[in-house]
Amino acid sequence: MVDILLIIILLFVFILPFIFRKIEHNLEVFLLVMGLLATVVSKTLSFHLLGHVFSNYLLYLVTAVVLVMGFVFNLTVNKFKTAINSILNKIKIELFVTFVVLFLGLISSIITAIVATLILVEIIHLLPLKHKTKVKVAIIGCFSIGFGAALTPVGEPLSTIVVSSLNAEFLYILKNLGIYIVPTIIILSLLSYFILLHERKRGYILPTYDELLTEEEAIVKAEEKAILDLEARKDVILRAGKIFMFIVALELLGNGFKPFIDKYVVKLGDKLLFWINIISAALDNATVAAAEITPSLSTGQVKAILLSLLASGGILIQGNIPNIIAANKLQIKSKEWIQLGLPLGLILLLVFYLILFVI
């Protein structure tokens, strides 16, 4: 009965945000409720668990960085906008975005996924793009950062847990998975280039600020005002609070489902486990990795687990910290995210599966 209830909760997490608008607009509250339900059903809810959740340094680090960067952006938005406009007057926006996606993906393992994502979204904020196009750039950028941050234990909790669990050297993931991750980041950056070429043909890329026509200028000024409104002090604090709640919810979800993962998931064969790990699109992939990664695994098994977790983590907003930050700051809804996140994640999963198990 417990297992059935947990499966129902997982289905709710996957499906309900796409059915009910109120849930979609209050995703962090919904996930928090689902996380509490999962811990109650699995009988893992305790003061010890709550102490573990609220003693997690990442909870406060992410919230603090988002809060500080929000205020910094508020103070420097005009200079930042001027710098970006200057760049866009010299090179095409397609090339600029390609470089940004590539650079942030590669450097995220050093500056952390959190900082890389905040830089990404502040740049996207000021690009002369329509909202739908900004959503696509954000999703591809988050995929890139999610993969890149895994290269070292500094980048994100997933890689920290893996290196710690295996008692491996600092550059273990870079040495063993770099051959898969780095080309993936390059391909993602090229994908952003071709998507923007297509978006230009559809008229979703506006001229740079110095070339704007009167009507287009009004549109961009309206977008700028909306950006500044979003970055008002009250909204910066509110958004940081939502991200705090988001992370607590993911911690509870991960811990609530850990007994289920330990009981069923980790005992599956490599190929089936590869696909089952798509659950990390809705759960904290670091928690899934903690349950699955043990010193007894071969390097090939570790590769399969990590690549499936990284590819799945970009499918939904709640799949990864970069997704959560980007969606909150750029006002991206679940339905908008999954339109590109799902097909892109599935394609990456299929390619990795073919490379690992077929070719």
Foldseek 3Di string as FASTA:
>chain_A
DLLVVLVVLLVCLVPVLVPDVVCLVQVLVSLLVSLVVLCVSLVNDDPVLVVVLVVPVVLVVLLVVLLVLLVVCLVCVVVLLVVLLVVCVPDPPLVVLLCLLLVLLQCLLPVALSVSLSVLLSSLLNAQFDLLLSLLSLLLSSLSNLLSNLQFLSHDLQNVLQCVQQVHDGRVCCVLVVVPNNVSSNVSSVVSSVVVVVCVVVVRHARRPVPHDPVSNVVSVVSVVVLSVCSPSVNSNVLSVSLSSLSSSLSSSLSSCLVVCLVPQLPDDLLVNLVVLLSLCSHELSSSSNSNRHNVDDSLSVNSSVQSLSLSLSQFLSNDSSSVSSCSSSVNTRVSSNVPSVVSSVVSSVVVCCVSPPD
